[in-house]
Amino acid sequence: MTDFEIVLNEWPRLASGFGNTVFLFAASAVGAFLLGALMVGPMRSRNKIVRVALHSFVDGMRMLPFLIFVYLLYYGLPAFGIKLDAWTAGLLGLIIYHCAYVAEILRGAWDQLPAGQTESAQAHGYHGLRLMRRIILPQLILNSAPVLGNQLIYILKDTSFLMIITVQDLTYAASSIQSMYFVPLEPFLIAMALYWAVSLSIEGLVRFVQGTAKVRGLGRA
């Protein structure tokens, strides 16, 4: 029996790990986007304390490696009496860490919008959350779609770090097969192909969104 056949015989383990990875990616991507979108308005607030606090949070997350951040969540918080299970720590880590990047991406896209557009929307009765949801946010998504797509791929890749806190994702499954059967290459080749397939799907989604926007005359030319 070849090494590939050995690995393929363990397909239930790989399938379970892949399913866990897809779930973690989807849940954290949605959570990070929603939280990041909620942060964009306050990041432009006239209140200096709010603005500085959010910018400091964003800068802090961007300077901190994700591996260290999730390690501190899982192994460090118990020292302060807060104990999270591996799945909770992993999911919260992904959402909190990547919402900072999403917020910065959307903030930068907002800075590129004509100032008169917001003023015109406000003159027509759009304010607060309604202004953000109906006027600003759709344009931010369309104008920053490629960058947001790259961030989604980063979220997908960062799920692999969760194996250090015993989350049984795709990388965990590949590593366990490798250590069980002493096949150093094949499990990770299959895992790499699956990560690649999801990444290509993300790129396809981004191209679809951009194409739809151009057809409808939205977004940047």
C-alpha atoms as a PDB file:
ATOM      1  CA  MET A   1       0.000   0.000   0.000  1.00  0.00           C
ATOM      2  CA  THR A   2       1.409   3.380  -1.031  1.00  0.00           C
ATOM      3  CA  ASP A   3       1.628   6.341   1.315  1.00  0.00           C
ATOM      4  CA  PHE A   4      -1.163   8.116  -0.552  1.00  0.00           C
ATOM      5  CA  GLU A   5      -3.419   5.081  -0.145  1.00  0.00           C
ATOM      6  CA  ILE A   6      -2.674   5.038   3.582  1.00  0.00           C
ATOM      7  CA  VAL A   7      -3.665   8.691   3.839  1.00  0.00           C
ATOM      8  CA  LEU A   8      -6.785   8.280   1.710  1.00  0.00           C
ATOM      9  CA  ASN A   9      -7.932   5.438   3.941  1.00  0.00           C
ATOM     10  CA  GLU A  10      -8.070   8.052   6.694  1.00  0.00           C
ATOM     11  CA  TRP A  11     -10.449  10.237   4.664  1.00  0.00           C
ATOM     12  CA  PRO A  12     -13.060  10.468   7.480  1.00  0.00           C
ATOM     13  CA  ARG A  13     -10.463  12.153   9.692  1.00  0.00           C
ATOM     14  CA  LEU A  14      -9.479  14.526   6.879  1.00  0.00           C
ATOM     15  CA  ALA A  15     -13.121  15.226   6.014  1.00  0.00           C
ATOM     16  CA  SER A  16     -13.928  16.027   9.631  1.00  0.00           C
ATOM     17  CA  GLY A  17     -10.916  18.340   9.897  1.00  0.00           C
ATOM     18  CA  PHE A  18     -11.810  20.023   6.623  1.00  0.00           C
ATOM     19  CA  GLY A  19     -15.395  20.541   7.770  1.00  0.00           C
ATOM     20  CA  ASN A  20     -14.163  22.086  11.016  1.00  0.00           C
ATOM     21  CA  THR A  21     -11.836  24.377   9.088  1.00  0.00           C
ATOM     22  CA  VAL A  22     -14.623  25.536   6.757  1.00  0.00           C
ATOM     23  CA  PHE A  23     -16.925  26.177   9.722  1.00  0.00           C
ATOM     24  CA  LEU A  24     -14.261  28.143  11.607  1.00  0.00           C
ATOM     25  CA  PHE A  25     -13.443  30.140   8.503  1.00  0.00           C
ATOM     26  CA  ALA A  26     -17.064  30.974   7.657  1.00  0.00           C
ATOM     27  CA  ALA A  27     -18.091  31.853  11.218  1.00  0.00           C
ATOM     28  CA  SER A  28     -15.017  33.963  11.909  1.00  0.00           C
ATOM     29  CA  ALA A  29     -15.201  35.718   8.532  1.00  0.00           C
ATOM     30  CA  VAL A  30     -18.804  36.776   9.164  1.00  0.00           C
ATOM     31  CA  GLY A  31     -18.045  37.788  12.753  1.00  0.00           C
ATOM     32  CA  ALA A  32     -14.915  39.731  11.821  1.00  0.00           C
ATOM     33  CA  PHE A  33     -16.708  41.564   9.023  1.00  0.00           C
ATOM     34  CA  LEU A  34     -19.698  42.545  11.163  1.00  0.00           C
ATOM     35  CA  LEU A  35     -17.529  43.700  14.062  1.00  0.00           C
ATOM     36  CA  GLY A  36     -15.131  45.502  11.741  1.00  0.00           C
ATOM     37  CA  ALA A  37     -17.998  47.259   9.967  1.00  0.00           C
ATOM     38  CA  LEU A  38     -19.391  48.421  13.313  1.00  0.00           C
ATOM     39  CA  MET A  39     -16.001  49.900  14.194  1.00  0.00           C
ATOM     40  CA  VAL A  40     -15.595  52.000  11.043  1.00  0.00           C
ATOM     41  CA  GLY A  41     -17.950  54.815  12.018  1.00  0.00           C
ATOM     42  CA  PRO A  42     -16.535  55.252  15.558  1.00  0.00           C
ATOM     43  CA  MET A  43     -13.001  55.209  14.087  1.00  0.00           C
ATOM     44  CA  ARG A  44     -13.971  58.433  12.299  1.00  0.00           C
ATOM     45  CA  SER A  45     -15.708  59.856  15.360  1.00  0.00           C
ATOM     46  CA  ARG A  46     -15.168  63.437  16.496  1.00  0.00           C
ATOM     47  CA  ASN A  47     -14.700  62.042  20.006  1.00  0.00           C
ATOM     48  CA  LYS A  48     -10.931  61.840  20.339  1.00  0.00           C
ATOM     49  CA  ILE A  49     -11.016  59.248  23.141  1.00  0.00           C
ATOM     50  CA  VAL A  50     -13.142  56.843  21.090  1.00  0.00           C
ATOM     51  CA  ARG A  51     -11.082  57.431  17.967  1.00  0.00           C
ATOM     52  CA  VAL A  52      -7.726  56.944  19.680  1.00  0.00           C
ATOM     53  CA  ALA A  53      -8.921  53.854  21.578  1.00  0.00           C
ATOM     54  CA  LEU A  54     -10.110  52.116  18.406  1.00  0.00           C
ATOM     55  CA  HIS A  55      -7.028  53.055  16.404  1.00  0.00           C
ATOM     56  CA  SER A  56      -4.846  51.758  19.244  1.00  0.00           C
ATOM     57  CA  PHE A  57      -6.775  48.461  19.231  1.00  0.00           C
ATOM     58  CA  VAL A  58      -6.399  48.130  15.459  1.00  0.00           C
ATOM     59  CA  ASP A  59      -2.686  48.909  15.575  1.00  0.00           C
ATOM     60  CA  GLY A  60      -2.202  46.491  18.471  1.00  0.00           C
ATOM     61  CA  MET A  61      -3.836  43.610  16.624  1.00  0.00           C
ATOM     62  CA  ARG A  62      -1.942  44.346  13.426  1.00  0.00           C
ATOM     63  CA  MET A  63       1.417  44.291  15.238  1.00  0.00           C
ATOM     64  CA  LEU A  64       0.693  41.093  17.197  1.00  0.00           C
ATOM     65  CA  PRO A  65       1.220  37.704  15.502  1.00  0.00           C
ATOM     66  CA  PHE A  66      -2.013  35.708  15.485  1.00  0.00           C
ATOM     67  CA  LEU A  67      -0.271  32.615  16.864  1.00  0.00           C
ATOM     68  CA  ILE A  68       0.764  34.509  20.008  1.00  0.00           C
ATOM     69  CA  PHE A  69      -2.672  36.112  20.363  1.00  0.00           C
ATOM     70  CA  VAL A  70      -4.604  32.833  20.308  1.00  0.00           C
ATOM     71  CA  TYR A  71      -2.002  31.207  22.557  1.00  0.00           C
ATOM     72  CA  LEU A  72      -2.539  33.968  25.124  1.00  0.00           C
ATOM     73  CA  LEU A  73      -6.328  33.606  24.889  1.00  0.00           C
ATOM     74  CA  TYR A  74      -6.238  29.880  25.566  1.00  0.00           C
ATOM     75  CA  TYR A  75      -3.267  29.479  27.902  1.00  0.00           C
ATOM     76  CA  GLY A  76      -2.944  32.987  29.367  1.00  0.00           C
ATOM     77  CA  LEU A  77      -6.487  33.943  30.381  1.00  0.00           C
ATOM     78  CA  PRO A  78      -6.815  31.119  32.955  1.00  0.00           C
ATOM     79  CA  ALA A  79      -4.206  33.001  35.031  1.00  0.00           C
ATOM     80  CA  PHE A  80      -6.866  35.721  35.432  1.00  0.00           C
ATOM     81  CA  GLY A  81      -9.655  33.270  36.204  1.00  0.00           C
ATOM     82  CA  ILE A  82     -11.044  33.154  32.645  1.00  0.00           C
ATOM     83  CA  LYS A  83     -10.948  29.725  31.038  1.00  0.00           C
ATOM     84  CA  LEU A  84     -12.138  29.219  27.463  1.00  0.00           C
ATOM     85  CA  ASP A  85     -12.468  25.898  25.697  1.00  0.00           C
ATOM     86  CA  ALA A  86     -10.350  25.443  22.584  1.00  0.00           C
ATOM     87  CA  TRP A  87     -13.159  26.092  20.109  1.00  0.00           C
ATOM     88  CA  THR A  88     -14.337  29.251  21.864  1.00  0.00           C
ATOM     89  CA  ALA A  89     -10.803  30.604  22.186  1.00  0.00           C
ATOM     90  CA  GLY A  90     -10.059  29.812  18.558  1.00  0.00           C
ATOM     91  CA  LEU A  91     -13.217  31.364  17.162  1.00  0.00           C
ATOM     92  CA  LEU A  92     -13.000  34.461  19.363  1.00  0.00           C
ATOM     93  CA  GLY A  93      -9.344  34.835  18.482  1.00  0.00           C
ATOM     94  CA  LEU A  94     -10.034  34.770  14.755  1.00  0.00           C
ATOM     95  CA  ILE A  95     -12.919  37.237  15.022  1.00  0.00           C
ATOM     96  CA  ILE A  96     -11.205  39.738  17.330  1.00  0.00           C
ATOM     97  CA  TYR A  97      -7.888  39.601  15.488  1.00  0.00           C
ATOM     98  CA  HIS A  98      -9.230  39.931  11.960  1.00  0.00           C
ATOM     99  CA  CYS A  99     -11.952  42.473  12.709  1.00  0.00           C
ATOM    100  CA  ALA A 100      -9.111  44.960  13.212  1.00  0.00           C
ATOM    101  CA  TYR A 101      -7.879  44.348   9.667  1.00  0.00           C
ATOM    102  CA  VAL A 102     -11.402  44.535   8.233  1.00  0.00           C
ATOM    103  CA  ALA A 103     -12.057  47.814  10.060  1.00  0.00           C
ATOM    104  CA  GLU A 104      -8.842  49.338   8.704  1.00  0.00           C
ATOM    105  CA  ILE A 105      -9.628  48.171   5.159  1.00  0.00           C
ATOM    106  CA  LEU A 106     -13.112  49.675   5.273  1.00  0.00           C
ATOM    107  CA  ARG A 107     -11.856  52.877   6.914  1.00  0.00           C
ATOM    108  CA  GLY A 108      -9.340  53.345   4.125  1.00  0.00           C
ATOM    109  CA  ALA A 109     -12.035  52.752   1.508  1.00  0.00           C
ATOM    110  CA  TRP A 110     -14.297  55.302   3.207  1.00  0.00           C
ATOM    111  CA  ASP A 111     -11.516  57.902   3.052  1.00  0.00           C
ATOM    112  CA  GLN A 112     -11.593  57.523  -0.738  1.00  0.00           C
ATOM    113  CA  LEU A 113     -15.304  58.341  -1.043  1.00  0.00           C
ATOM    114  CA  PRO A 114     -16.213  61.905  -2.061  1.00  0.00           C
ATOM    115  CA  ALA A 115     -17.051  63.938   1.055  1.00  0.00           C
ATOM    116  CA  GLY A 116     -20.065  65.472  -0.630  1.00  0.00           C
ATOM    117  CA  GLN A 117     -21.694  62.088  -1.010  1.00  0.00           C
ATOM    118  CA  THR A 118     -22.142  61.607   2.737  1.00  0.00           C
ATOM    119  CA  GLU A 119     -23.387  65.169   3.114  1.00  0.00           C
ATOM    120  CA  SER A 120     -25.907  64.643   0.312  1.00  0.00           C
ATOM    121  CA  ALA A 121     -27.181  61.427   1.913  1.00  0.00           C
ATOM    122  CA  GLN A 122     -27.576  63.181   5.243  1.00  0.00           C
ATOM    123  CA  ALA A 123     -29.508  65.964   3.537  1.00  0.00           C
ATOM    124  CA  HIS A 124     -31.923  63.300   2.275  1.00  0.00           C
ATOM    125  CA  GLY A 125     -32.524  61.993   5.779  1.00  0.00           C
ATOM    126  CA  TYR A 126     -29.917  59.233   6.050  1.00  0.00           C
ATOM    127  CA  HIS A 127     -28.155  59.264   9.402  1.00  0.00           C
ATOM    128  CA  GLY A 128     -26.334  56.883  11.738  1.00  0.00           C
ATOM    129  CA  LEU A 129     -26.792  53.173  11.114  1.00  0.00           C
ATOM    130  CA  ARG A 130     -29.207  53.765   8.222  1.00  0.00           C
ATOM    131  CA  LEU A 131     -26.635  55.909   6.427  1.00  0.00           C
ATOM    132  CA  MET A 132     -23.948  53.290   6.981  1.00  0.00           C
ATOM    133  CA  ARG A 133     -26.088  50.321   5.961  1.00  0.00           C
ATOM    134  CA  ARG A 134     -27.812  51.786   2.897  1.00  0.00           C
ATOM    135  CA  ILE A 135     -25.291  54.234   1.446  1.00  0.00           C
ATOM    136  CA  ILE A 136     -21.753  53.838   2.755  1.00  0.00           C
ATOM    137  CA  LEU A 137     -21.174  50.153   3.488  1.00  0.00           C
ATOM    138  CA  PRO A 138     -22.224  48.750   0.056  1.00  0.00           C
ATOM    139  CA  GLN A 139     -19.732  51.076  -1.639  1.00  0.00           C
ATOM    140  CA  LEU A 140     -16.987  50.199   0.808  1.00  0.00           C
ATOM    141  CA  ILE A 141     -17.476  46.490   0.119  1.00  0.00           C
ATOM    142  CA  LEU A 142     -17.451  46.940  -3.660  1.00  0.00           C
ATOM    143  CA  ASN A 143     -14.485  49.313  -3.707  1.00  0.00           C
ATOM    144  CA  SER A 144     -12.368  47.149  -1.399  1.00  0.00           C
ATOM    145  CA  ALA A 145     -13.494  43.720  -2.634  1.00  0.00           C
ATOM    146  CA  PRO A 146     -10.014  42.524  -3.736  1.00  0.00           C
ATOM    147  CA  VAL A 147      -8.435  43.538  -0.420  1.00  0.00           C
ATOM    148  CA  LEU A 148     -11.290  41.988   1.566  1.00  0.00           C
ATOM    149  CA  GLY A 149     -10.834  38.827  -0.510  1.00  0.00           C
ATOM    150  CA  ASN A 150      -7.164  38.703   0.463  1.00  0.00           C
ATOM    151  CA  GLN A 151      -8.160  39.132   4.098  1.00  0.00           C
ATOM    152  CA  LEU A 152     -10.558  36.198   3.820  1.00  0.00           C
ATOM    153  CA  ILE A 153      -7.676  34.058   2.596  1.00  0.00           C
ATOM    154  CA  TYR A 154      -5.599  35.191   5.587  1.00  0.00           C
ATOM    155  CA  ILE A 155      -8.446  34.145   7.889  1.00  0.00           C
ATOM    156  CA  LEU A 156      -8.556  30.739   6.209  1.00  0.00           C
ATOM    157  CA  LYS A 157      -4.809  30.247   6.635  1.00  0.00           C
ATOM    158  CA  ASP A 158      -4.855  31.407  10.257  1.00  0.00           C
ATOM    159  CA  THR A 159      -7.311  28.628  11.147  1.00  0.00           C
ATOM    160  CA  SER A 160      -4.350  26.252  10.802  1.00  0.00           C
ATOM    161  CA  PHE A 161      -2.697  27.834  13.861  1.00  0.00           C
ATOM    162  CA  LEU A 162      -5.552  26.630  16.047  1.00  0.00           C
ATOM    163  CA  MET A 163      -4.042  23.159  16.164  1.00  0.00           C
ATOM    164  CA  ILE A 164      -1.679  24.457  18.872  1.00  0.00           C
ATOM    165  CA  ILE A 165      -4.688  24.776  21.196  1.00  0.00           C
ATOM    166  CA  THR A 166      -5.995  21.323  20.147  1.00  0.00           C
ATOM    167  CA  VAL A 167      -8.740  22.465  17.761  1.00  0.00           C
ATOM    168  CA  GLN A 168      -9.163  19.537  15.372  1.00  0.00           C
ATOM    169  CA  ASP A 169      -9.022  21.391  12.086  1.00  0.00           C
ATOM    170  CA  LEU A 170      -7.599  20.247   8.750  1.00  0.00           C
ATOM    171  CA  THR A 171      -3.976  20.849   9.749  1.00  0.00           C
ATOM    172  CA  TYR A 172      -4.542  18.960  13.004  1.00  0.00           C
ATOM    173  CA  ALA A 173      -5.990  16.023  11.034  1.00  0.00           C
ATOM    174  CA  ALA A 174      -3.054  15.978   8.609  1.00  0.00           C
ATOM    175  CA  SER A 175      -0.558  16.160  11.463  1.00  0.00           C
ATOM    176  CA  SER A 176      -2.231  13.329  13.353  1.00  0.00           C
ATOM    177  CA  ILE A 177      -2.175  11.088  10.254  1.00  0.00           C
ATOM    178  CA  GLN A 178       1.473  11.936   9.683  1.00  0.00           C
ATOM    179  CA  SER A 179       2.449  11.035  13.247  1.00  0.00           C
ATOM    180  CA  MET A 180       0.314   7.883  13.284  1.00  0.00           C
ATOM    181  CA  TYR A 181       1.631   6.335  10.044  1.00  0.00           C
ATOM    182  CA  PHE A 182       4.997   8.142   9.702  1.00  0.00           C
ATOM    183  CA  VAL A 183       4.111   9.549   6.262  1.00  0.00           C
ATOM    184  CA  PRO A 184       5.740  12.993   6.326  1.00  0.00           C
ATOM    185  CA  LEU A 185       4.556  14.448   3.013  1.00  0.00           C
ATOM    186  CA  GLU A 186       1.280  13.076   1.661  1.00  0.00           C
ATOM    187  CA  PRO A 187      -1.156  14.242   4.406  1.00  0.00           C
ATOM    188  CA  PHE A 188       0.046  17.814   4.055  1.00  0.00           C
ATOM    189  CA  LEU A 189      -0.100  17.710   0.258  1.00  0.00           C
ATOM    190  CA  ILE A 190      -3.770  16.772   0.488  1.00  0.00           C
ATOM    191  CA  ALA A 191      -4.371  19.436   3.128  1.00  0.00           C
ATOM    192  CA  MET A 192      -2.630  22.007   0.933  1.00  0.00           C
ATOM    193  CA  ALA A 193      -4.854  21.071  -2.017  1.00  0.00           C
ATOM    194  CA  LEU A 194      -7.974  21.556   0.114  1.00  0.00           C
ATOM    195  CA  TYR A 195      -6.796  24.946   1.385  1.00  0.00           C
ATOM    196  CA  TRP A 196      -6.028  25.897  -2.193  1.00  0.00           C
ATOM    197  CA  ALA A 197      -9.508  24.861  -3.348  1.00  0.00           C
ATOM    198  CA  VAL A 198     -11.160  27.099  -0.749  1.00  0.00           C
ATOM    199  CA  SER A 199      -8.826  29.985  -1.620  1.00  0.00           C
ATOM    200  CA  LEU A 200      -9.716  29.660  -5.309  1.00  0.00           C
ATOM    201  CA  SER A 201     -13.401  29.710  -4.360  1.00  0.00           C
ATOM    202  CA  ILE A 202     -12.831  32.969  -2.460  1.00  0.00           C
ATOM    203  CA  GLU A 203     -11.078  34.482  -5.471  1.00  0.00           C
ATOM    204  CA  GLY A 204     -13.948  33.382  -7.690  1.00  0.00           C
ATOM    205  CA  LEU A 205     -16.456  35.013  -5.341  1.00  0.00           C
ATOM    206  CA  VAL A 206     -14.499  38.279  -5.394  1.00  0.00           C
ATOM    207  CA  ARG A 207     -14.410  38.278  -9.204  1.00  0.00           C
ATOM    208  CA  PHE A 208     -18.156  37.576  -9.285  1.00  0.00           C
ATOM    209  CA  VAL A 209     -18.882  40.485  -6.953  1.00  0.00           C
ATOM    210  CA  GLN A 210     -16.687  42.827  -8.993  1.00  0.00           C
ATOM    211  CA  GLY A 211     -18.257  41.689 -12.262  1.00  0.00           C
ATOM    212  CA  THR A 212     -21.787  42.144 -10.916  1.00  0.00           C
ATOM    213  CA  ALA A 213     -20.885  45.610  -9.648  1.00  0.00           C
ATOM    214  CA  LYS A 214     -19.508  46.669 -13.028  1.00  0.00           C
ATOM    215  CA  VAL A 215     -22.581  45.377 -14.868  1.00  0.00           C
ATOM    216  CA  ARG A 216     -24.832  47.415 -12.592  1.00  0.00           C
ATOM    217  CA  GLY A 217     -22.622  50.481 -12.789  1.00  0.00           C
ATOM    218  CA  LEU A 218     -21.499  50.282  -9.157  1.00  0.00           C
ATOM    219  CA  GLY A 219     -18.085  50.470  -7.578  1.00  0.00           C
ATOM    220  CA  ARG A 220     -14.957  51.775  -9.227  1.00  0.00           C
ATOM    221  CA  ALA A 221     -14.514  51.676 -12.958  1.00  0.00           C
END
